[in-house]
Amino acid sequence: MDQAWVPLGYTAPNPATYPWMWLWDSCFHSLVWHALGDDERALVELTSALWSIDSTGFVPHMGYQLDPERSVELWGRRATSSITQPPMYGHAIAELSRAGVAVPEELSDRARRGLEFLLQRRVRDRRSELIEVVHPWETGCDDSPRWDDLAGPGSFELDRWRRRKNDLLRDVERGSRGEPLSNPHFGVAPCGFNALVAFNAAELATVTSDRDLAAAAGELAEALDQRFNPQLGTWVDAGANSGGSGRIRTADGLLPLLVSRSDSARRQVMEELADPGAYCARYGSRGVHAAEPSHDPTAYWRGPVWPQLSYLLWLAAGGGSEQPSATAALLAQHTTNGAMSSGLAEYWDGDSGTGLGAIPQSWTGLALLLDHGR
C-alpha cells in the first residue's frame, strides 16, 4: 500500500498497470488503510474518491490527477471520466464512523448527494423500478457473462466486445452538465449494481440518521427481492438482458444478499456459496457458477475469484459480525488463502490459486478485513 500511494491523495490499484484513481477501488482502499491503522490516509483516500462530484451529484468513476489532460480523448472531459461506478463510499464512511473515526460532515454530505443522484436522477426500468446503468463499466464487472446479450450475435468474442464497449460509451445520454443519465443501447438494470446502491444508501443512513435515504434503500431492496428466481438460485437482472444473459449465475448476481429480506432466498444463496459444485472454490468464491457454460476460471470477469466481490459476499453472509455464519467463515478462509497464493493479485483462479491480472493489486488488501473477522 505504501508503494502504491500517490502523494496527490489516493492509492494506485497497481502503479504500473493502473496508475489512475478508480472510485470503488479507493473506497475499498480506505477500508484497508483503516485496517492498517492509518486513518489519516483512509480519510484522504475517501475525500479523493469524492473530490470530483458535480452539482448534480454525479461522481465520476476515474480521476486523472497525475495527468488531467489524459482523460479528454476517451471521456471528452478534463481530469475525470464521464460515467460512474458502484457507490461504495456509503459503506466506507459507515465503517469508519462505527470504528470511531471522525468523518467530516462535508464528506458524508457528498456521499449522500452521490447516492441521491443514482436514486433520483437515473432512468428506472419501468417494470422492476430498478436503476439502469449506462455502460457495463459502471458495474465494475466489465466482461460479466450477464452482458452477453448485448455483446453482438453469436457466442462471446473478446475483441468484438471491446469494440462494443467503446461504441456504447458514445451512446450515453447526458444531462445539461454532462451527467450520465441513460443509454438507449444498454438498457440494463443489473441486480448487483442496484444491490450496492441500496446497501450503501442503507449504510450511510445508519450513521447520518437520514430517514429518506433509508426509505429509498428499503424500497430498492424490496424491488430486488421480486427478482429472485428460486429455480436458478440467483437474482435476475431487469431490462434488455432479463430473458437471456441476465439470468446467468454470477457472483455479482448474488450481491442482493446484502439487502435481501427474503429468508428463503438467503438460505438458498448461502447454500450455493458453500457448495464446491457451485461457487465455492478452494481459493475463494468463483465469479461464475461452475455449472454455467460460460464459466472460465482464468478469463477476465468470466469465472475467477475477485477479492472485492468475495469481501461483499462475506459481509452479506454475516462476516464481521460477532457470530459469523459458517458460510462467512468459509468465504474468509478460502479468500485469504487465495489472496496469499496469488501474490495479492487483481483476481485469481479459484481452483489453483494462480494470480491473474495486475500483481499485486491494492484492493486485495481486503483480505486483512476477512482475516480479522475469522
Protein backbone atom coordinates (compact mmCIF):
# COMPACT_ATOMS: atom_id res chain seq x y z
CA MET A 1 0.00 0.00 0.00
CA ASP A 2 2.87 2.39 0.76
CA GLN A 3 4.47 1.69 -2.60
CA ALA A 4 1.15 2.30 -4.38
CA TRP A 5 0.37 5.55 -2.55
CA VAL A 6 0.21 8.59 -4.85
CA PRO A 7 1.06 11.83 -2.97
CA LEU A 8 -1.88 13.54 -4.71
CA GLY A 9 -4.12 11.62 -2.31
CA TYR A 10 -5.01 8.12 -3.48
CA THR A 11 -3.71 4.58 -3.83
CA ALA A 12 -2.97 3.42 -7.37
CA PRO A 13 -4.54 -0.03 -7.73
CA ASN A 14 -1.26 -1.09 -9.35
CA PRO A 15 1.25 1.69 -10.16
CA ALA A 16 2.35 0.13 -13.44
CA THR A 17 -0.96 -1.19 -14.83
CA TYR A 18 -3.49 1.09 -13.12
CA PRO A 19 -1.87 4.43 -12.18
CA TRP A 20 -5.13 6.39 -12.10
CA MET A 21 -7.74 6.64 -9.34
CA TRP A 22 -10.85 4.44 -9.53
CA LEU A 23 -13.94 5.13 -7.44
CA TRP A 24 -14.81 1.80 -5.87
CA ASP A 25 -11.15 0.81 -5.61
CA SER A 26 -10.46 3.89 -3.50
CA CYS A 27 -13.43 3.18 -1.25
CA PHE A 28 -12.05 -0.31 -0.62
CA HIS A 29 -8.55 1.14 -0.14
CA SER A 30 -9.96 3.37 2.59
CA LEU A 31 -11.07 0.28 4.50
CA VAL A 32 -7.64 -1.32 4.01
CA TRP A 33 -5.85 1.78 5.29
CA HIS A 34 -8.08 1.73 8.37
CA ALA A 35 -7.26 -1.94 8.95
CA LEU A 36 -3.57 -0.99 8.74
CA GLY A 37 -4.09 1.68 11.40
CA ASP A 38 -3.71 4.70 9.11
CA ASP A 39 -6.99 6.58 9.48
CA GLU A 40 -5.50 9.76 8.04
CA ARG A 41 -4.89 8.12 4.68
CA ALA A 42 -8.24 6.32 4.93
CA LEU A 43 -9.98 9.72 5.04
CA VAL A 44 -7.72 11.28 2.40
CA GLU A 45 -8.50 8.41 0.03
CA LEU A 46 -12.25 8.77 0.55
CA THR A 47 -12.00 12.52 0.04
CA SER A 48 -10.18 11.92 -3.24
CA ALA A 49 -12.81 9.41 -4.34
CA LEU A 50 -15.49 12.08 -3.97
CA TRP A 51 -13.44 15.12 -4.96
CA SER A 52 -14.94 15.49 -8.44
CA ILE A 53 -18.64 15.21 -7.55
CA ASP A 54 -20.55 17.83 -9.57
CA SER A 55 -23.57 19.98 -8.74
CA THR A 56 -25.96 17.22 -9.90
CA GLY A 57 -24.46 14.64 -7.53
CA PHE A 58 -22.72 12.70 -10.31
CA VAL A 59 -19.47 11.09 -9.12
CA PRO A 60 -17.03 10.13 -11.93
CA HIS A 61 -15.50 6.68 -11.64
CA MET A 62 -11.96 7.73 -12.54
CA GLY A 63 -9.65 10.57 -11.59
CA TYR A 64 -6.64 11.57 -13.68
CA GLN A 65 -4.82 13.61 -11.07
CA LEU A 66 -1.44 12.58 -12.48
CA ASP A 67 -2.25 13.91 -15.97
CA PRO A 68 -5.56 15.84 -16.19
CA GLU A 69 -5.38 16.10 -19.99
CA ARG A 70 -5.12 12.33 -20.45
CA SER A 71 -8.87 11.82 -19.99
CA VAL A 72 -10.01 14.16 -22.76
CA GLU A 73 -9.63 11.80 -25.72
CA LEU A 74 -11.63 8.90 -24.24
CA TRP A 75 -14.07 10.66 -21.93
CA GLY A 76 -14.46 14.07 -23.54
CA ARG A 77 -13.67 15.92 -20.33
CA ARG A 78 -10.62 17.02 -18.40
CA ALA A 79 -9.33 15.25 -15.28
CA THR A 80 -12.13 12.66 -14.84
CA SER A 81 -14.19 10.04 -16.60
CA SER A 82 -17.80 10.63 -17.65
CA ILE A 83 -19.52 7.58 -16.08
CA THR A 84 -19.74 6.34 -12.50
CA GLN A 85 -19.15 3.09 -10.59
CA PRO A 86 -20.70 1.28 -7.58
CA PRO A 87 -21.03 3.85 -4.75
CA MET A 88 -19.03 2.01 -2.10
CA TYR A 89 -18.42 5.29 -0.28
CA GLY A 90 -21.59 4.82 1.82
CA HIS A 91 -20.24 1.61 3.34
CA ALA A 92 -16.73 3.02 3.76
CA ILE A 93 -17.98 6.08 5.65
CA ALA A 94 -20.21 3.91 7.84
CA GLU A 95 -17.39 1.51 8.68
CA LEU A 96 -15.01 4.31 9.61
CA SER A 97 -17.70 6.05 11.68
CA ARG A 98 -18.59 2.86 13.54
CA ALA A 99 -14.91 2.43 14.36
CA GLY A 100 -14.81 5.88 15.96
CA VAL A 101 -13.13 7.76 13.11
CA ALA A 102 -14.36 11.36 12.87
CA VAL A 103 -15.64 11.58 9.30
CA PRO A 104 -16.07 15.22 8.19
CA GLU A 105 -19.69 16.23 7.65
CA GLU A 106 -18.82 17.55 4.19
CA LEU A 107 -17.64 14.08 3.16
CA SER A 108 -20.85 12.46 4.35
CA ASP A 109 -22.84 15.13 2.51
CA ARG A 110 -21.00 14.42 -0.74
CA ALA A 111 -21.72 10.71 -0.32
CA ARG A 112 -25.41 11.44 0.25
CA ARG A 113 -25.60 13.57 -2.88
CA GLY A 114 -23.85 10.87 -4.89
CA LEU A 115 -26.38 8.28 -3.80
CA GLU A 116 -29.31 10.62 -4.38
CA PHE A 117 -28.14 11.16 -7.96
CA LEU A 118 -28.44 7.41 -8.60
CA LEU A 119 -31.71 7.05 -6.70
CA GLN A 120 -33.43 10.09 -8.15
CA ARG A 121 -31.86 11.04 -11.49
CA ARG A 122 -31.10 7.71 -13.11
CA VAL A 123 -33.61 6.15 -15.50
CA ARG A 124 -35.56 3.27 -13.92
CA ASP A 125 -36.61 0.09 -15.63
CA ARG A 126 -40.38 0.52 -15.99
CA ARG A 127 -41.37 -2.95 -14.80
CA SER A 128 -38.92 -3.56 -11.98
CA GLU A 129 -38.21 0.02 -10.80
CA LEU A 130 -34.52 -0.90 -10.70
CA ILE A 131 -31.87 1.67 -11.64
CA GLU A 132 -30.37 1.33 -15.10
CA VAL A 133 -26.65 1.68 -15.76
CA VAL A 134 -25.37 3.48 -18.83
CA HIS A 135 -22.38 1.24 -19.55
CA PRO A 136 -21.02 -2.14 -18.39
CA TRP A 137 -18.01 -0.32 -16.91
CA GLU A 138 -20.34 1.32 -14.39
CA THR A 139 -21.00 -2.04 -12.76
CA GLY A 140 -17.29 -2.69 -12.21
CA CYS A 141 -17.87 -6.17 -13.70
CA ASP A 142 -16.66 -5.26 -17.17
CA ASP A 143 -16.95 -8.55 -19.06
CA SER A 144 -19.51 -10.37 -16.92
CA PRO A 145 -21.48 -13.01 -18.89
CA ARG A 146 -24.58 -11.09 -17.84
CA TRP A 147 -23.89 -8.59 -20.64
CA ASP A 148 -23.51 -11.24 -23.36
CA ASP A 149 -26.89 -10.47 -24.93
CA LEU A 150 -25.57 -7.01 -25.76
CA ALA A 151 -22.14 -8.14 -26.99
CA GLY A 152 -23.30 -8.97 -30.52
CA PRO A 153 -24.69 -12.05 -32.26
CA GLY A 154 -23.30 -15.49 -31.52
CA SER A 155 -21.03 -16.52 -28.67
CA PHE A 156 -18.95 -14.08 -26.65
CA GLU A 157 -15.93 -12.79 -28.56
CA LEU A 158 -13.48 -10.60 -26.66
CA ASP A 159 -12.30 -8.26 -29.42
CA ARG A 160 -15.86 -7.66 -30.58
CA TRP A 161 -16.94 -6.90 -27.02
CA ARG A 162 -14.10 -4.40 -26.58
CA ARG A 163 -15.23 -2.54 -29.68
CA ARG A 164 -18.81 -2.69 -28.46
CA LYS A 165 -17.87 -1.11 -25.12
CA ASN A 166 -16.29 1.86 -26.89
CA ASP A 167 -19.39 2.23 -29.07
CA LEU A 168 -21.64 2.15 -26.00
CA LEU A 169 -19.72 5.00 -24.43
CA ARG A 170 -20.69 7.23 -27.35
CA ASP A 171 -24.37 6.28 -26.91
CA VAL A 172 -24.71 7.62 -23.35
CA GLU A 173 -27.43 10.26 -22.97
CA ARG A 174 -26.48 13.09 -20.63
CA GLY A 175 -27.96 15.98 -18.72
CA SER A 176 -27.12 19.66 -19.05
CA ARG A 177 -23.86 19.32 -17.09
CA GLY A 178 -22.74 16.17 -18.87
CA GLU A 179 -24.02 13.85 -16.13
CA PRO A 180 -24.77 10.32 -17.48
CA LEU A 181 -28.49 9.53 -17.24
CA SER A 182 -29.33 6.69 -19.63
CA ASN A 183 -28.24 4.64 -22.62
CA PRO A 184 -30.85 3.50 -25.16
CA HIS A 185 -28.45 0.84 -26.41
CA PHE A 186 -27.66 -0.59 -22.97
CA GLY A 187 -30.98 -0.54 -21.12
CA VAL A 188 -29.87 -2.88 -18.35
CA ALA A 189 -30.81 -2.68 -14.66
CA PRO A 190 -28.35 -5.08 -13.01
CA CYS A 191 -29.31 -6.62 -9.69
CA GLY A 192 -25.71 -6.43 -8.49
CA PHE A 193 -25.36 -2.70 -9.10
CA ASN A 194 -28.77 -1.98 -7.58
CA ALA A 195 -27.89 -4.04 -4.52
CA LEU A 196 -24.77 -1.95 -3.98
CA VAL A 197 -26.76 1.28 -4.30
CA ALA A 198 -29.32 0.01 -1.76
CA PHE A 199 -26.62 -1.32 0.58
CA ASN A 200 -24.54 1.85 0.53
CA ALA A 201 -27.59 4.07 0.99
CA ALA A 202 -28.66 1.98 3.99
CA GLU A 203 -25.14 2.01 5.42
CA LEU A 204 -24.78 5.77 5.14
CA ALA A 205 -28.23 6.26 6.68
CA THR A 206 -27.18 4.30 9.77
CA VAL A 207 -24.58 6.92 10.67
CA THR A 208 -26.35 10.06 9.39
CA SER A 209 -29.89 9.17 10.54
CA ASP A 210 -31.19 10.13 7.10
CA ARG A 211 -34.71 8.69 7.02
CA ASP A 212 -35.30 9.50 3.36
CA LEU A 213 -32.13 7.70 2.34
CA ALA A 214 -33.03 4.71 4.49
CA ALA A 215 -36.52 4.58 2.99
CA ALA A 216 -35.16 4.71 -0.56
CA ALA A 217 -32.74 1.89 0.26
CA GLY A 218 -35.60 -0.19 1.62
CA GLU A 219 -37.74 0.35 -1.46
CA LEU A 220 -34.90 -0.70 -3.74
CA ALA A 221 -34.28 -3.81 -1.61
CA GLU A 222 -37.95 -4.77 -1.90
CA ALA A 223 -37.83 -4.37 -5.68
CA LEU A 224 -34.75 -6.59 -5.81
CA ASP A 225 -36.42 -9.39 -3.87
CA GLN A 226 -39.06 -9.54 -6.61
CA ARG A 227 -36.25 -10.52 -9.00
CA PHE A 228 -35.12 -13.67 -7.16
CA ASN A 229 -35.53 -16.87 -9.16
CA PRO A 230 -35.54 -19.96 -6.90
CA GLN A 231 -35.13 -22.32 -9.87
CA LEU A 232 -31.83 -20.64 -10.74
CA GLY A 233 -30.85 -19.66 -7.21
CA THR A 234 -29.99 -16.11 -8.25
CA TRP A 235 -31.44 -12.66 -8.78
CA VAL A 236 -32.29 -11.90 -12.41
CA ASP A 237 -31.40 -8.56 -13.98
CA ALA A 238 -34.13 -6.32 -15.35
CA GLY A 239 -34.13 -4.67 -18.74
CA ALA A 240 -32.73 -5.72 -22.10
CA ASN A 241 -30.99 -8.86 -20.80
CA SER A 242 -33.73 -10.09 -18.43
CA GLY A 243 -34.84 -13.02 -20.58
CA GLY A 244 -31.36 -14.21 -21.52
CA SER A 245 -27.88 -13.46 -20.22
CA GLY A 246 -29.25 -11.51 -17.26
CA ARG A 247 -30.16 -14.91 -15.81
CA ILE A 248 -26.63 -16.34 -15.89
CA ARG A 249 -25.47 -17.33 -12.42
CA THR A 250 -22.64 -15.00 -11.43
CA ALA A 251 -21.18 -13.77 -8.15
CA ASP A 252 -22.23 -10.19 -8.92
CA GLY A 253 -25.77 -11.51 -9.39
CA LEU A 254 -25.73 -12.65 -5.75
CA LEU A 255 -24.96 -9.22 -4.28
CA PRO A 256 -28.64 -8.60 -3.37
CA LEU A 257 -27.86 -10.95 -0.48
CA LEU A 258 -26.51 -7.77 1.16
CA VAL A 259 -30.02 -6.28 1.43
CA SER A 260 -32.46 -9.15 0.87
CA ARG A 261 -35.32 -9.58 3.34
CA SER A 262 -36.33 -12.97 1.94
CA ASP A 263 -35.37 -15.76 4.33
CA SER A 264 -35.85 -18.43 1.66
CA ALA A 265 -33.67 -16.59 -0.86
CA ARG A 266 -30.97 -16.03 1.74
CA ARG A 267 -30.90 -19.70 2.76
CA GLN A 268 -30.69 -20.88 -0.84
CA VAL A 269 -27.91 -18.49 -1.79
CA MET A 270 -25.90 -19.24 1.35
CA GLU A 271 -26.01 -22.91 0.42
CA GLU A 272 -24.81 -22.10 -3.12
CA LEU A 273 -21.91 -20.06 -1.78
CA ALA A 274 -20.76 -23.03 0.31
CA ASP A 275 -21.22 -25.61 -2.47
CA PRO A 276 -17.98 -26.74 -4.23
CA GLY A 277 -20.08 -27.58 -7.28
CA ALA A 278 -21.39 -24.02 -7.48
CA TYR A 279 -19.39 -21.01 -6.26
CA CYS A 280 -17.17 -22.38 -3.50
CA ALA A 281 -13.66 -22.96 -4.84
CA ARG A 282 -10.58 -23.81 -2.81
CA TYR A 283 -9.25 -20.26 -3.09
CA GLY A 284 -12.41 -18.17 -2.90
CA SER A 285 -15.82 -17.62 -4.40
CA ARG A 286 -15.93 -18.25 -8.15
CA GLY A 287 -17.07 -15.29 -10.23
CA VAL A 288 -19.39 -17.53 -12.26
CA HIS A 289 -21.25 -20.68 -11.14
CA ALA A 290 -19.14 -23.73 -12.02
CA ALA A 291 -22.00 -25.33 -13.96
CA GLU A 292 -22.53 -22.36 -16.28
CA PRO A 293 -21.30 -22.94 -19.87
CA SER A 294 -19.64 -19.51 -19.77
CA HIS A 295 -17.58 -20.36 -16.68
CA ASP A 296 -13.85 -19.96 -17.31
CA PRO A 297 -11.66 -19.85 -14.17
CA THR A 298 -8.95 -17.76 -15.84
CA ALA A 299 -10.93 -15.36 -18.09
CA TYR A 300 -11.43 -11.74 -17.03
CA TRP A 301 -14.78 -11.45 -15.20
CA ARG A 302 -15.92 -14.83 -16.51
CA GLY A 303 -15.06 -17.16 -13.63
CA PRO A 304 -12.07 -16.15 -11.48
CA VAL A 305 -12.23 -15.03 -7.85
CA TRP A 306 -12.46 -11.26 -7.37
CA PRO A 307 -11.45 -10.14 -3.85
CA GLN A 308 -13.87 -7.21 -3.65
CA LEU A 309 -16.84 -9.42 -4.56
CA SER A 310 -15.66 -12.03 -2.08
CA TYR A 311 -15.49 -9.33 0.60
CA LEU A 312 -19.02 -8.17 -0.20
CA LEU A 313 -20.41 -11.71 -0.20
CA TRP A 314 -18.61 -12.33 3.09
CA LEU A 315 -20.34 -9.27 4.54
CA ALA A 316 -23.68 -10.44 3.14
CA ALA A 317 -23.19 -13.85 4.74
CA GLY A 318 -22.67 -12.28 8.16
CA GLY A 319 -18.93 -11.76 8.08
CA GLY A 320 -17.67 -9.17 10.54
CA SER A 321 -20.48 -9.84 13.00
CA GLU A 322 -19.94 -11.24 16.48
CA GLN A 323 -21.23 -14.63 15.35
CA PRO A 324 -20.40 -15.03 11.65
CA SER A 325 -22.13 -17.82 9.79
CA ALA A 326 -20.33 -20.97 8.71
CA THR A 327 -20.59 -19.72 5.12
CA ALA A 328 -18.93 -16.43 6.05
CA ALA A 329 -16.12 -18.27 7.83
CA LEU A 330 -15.61 -20.47 4.78
CA LEU A 331 -15.50 -17.44 2.46
CA ALA A 332 -12.97 -15.73 4.72
CA GLN A 333 -10.69 -18.76 4.88
CA HIS A 334 -10.74 -19.52 1.17
CA THR A 335 -10.41 -15.90 0.05
CA THR A 336 -7.48 -15.11 2.33
CA ASN A 337 -5.77 -18.30 1.15
CA GLY A 338 -6.35 -17.19 -2.44
CA ALA A 339 -5.05 -13.69 -1.79
CA MET A 340 -1.80 -15.08 -0.43
CA SER A 341 -1.43 -17.85 -3.01
CA SER A 342 -1.96 -15.40 -5.87
CA GLY A 343 0.57 -12.86 -4.61
CA LEU A 344 -2.23 -10.37 -3.79
CA ALA A 345 -3.36 -10.44 -7.41
CA GLU A 346 -6.12 -8.39 -9.01
CA TYR A 347 -8.07 -11.65 -9.43
CA TRP A 348 -7.17 -15.33 -9.47
CA ASP A 349 -8.09 -18.87 -10.47
CA GLY A 350 -10.22 -20.15 -7.60
CA ASP A 351 -9.23 -23.77 -8.14
CA SER A 352 -5.45 -23.35 -8.40
CA GLY A 353 -4.85 -20.02 -6.64
CA THR A 354 -2.84 -18.78 -9.63
CA GLY A 355 -2.67 -14.99 -9.74
CA LEU A 356 -4.15 -13.17 -12.74
CA GLY A 357 -4.32 -9.57 -13.91
CA ALA A 358 -2.14 -6.99 -12.13
CA ILE A 359 0.04 -8.38 -9.33
CA PRO A 360 -0.10 -7.01 -6.68
CA GLN A 361 -3.41 -5.12 -6.60
CA SER A 362 -4.24 -2.80 -3.71
CA TRP A 363 -7.86 -3.86 -3.13
CA THR A 364 -6.74 -7.40 -2.37
CA GLY A 365 -5.66 -5.94 0.95
CA LEU A 366 -9.34 -6.51 1.86
CA ALA A 367 -8.07 -9.94 2.90
CA LEU A 368 -6.93 -8.18 6.07
CA LEU A 369 -10.54 -7.45 6.97
CA LEU A 370 -11.61 -11.04 6.28
CA ASP A 371 -8.68 -12.38 8.30
CA HIS A 372 -9.55 -10.15 11.27
CA GLY A 373 -13.15 -11.35 11.09
CA ARG A 374 -12.28 -15.04 11.26
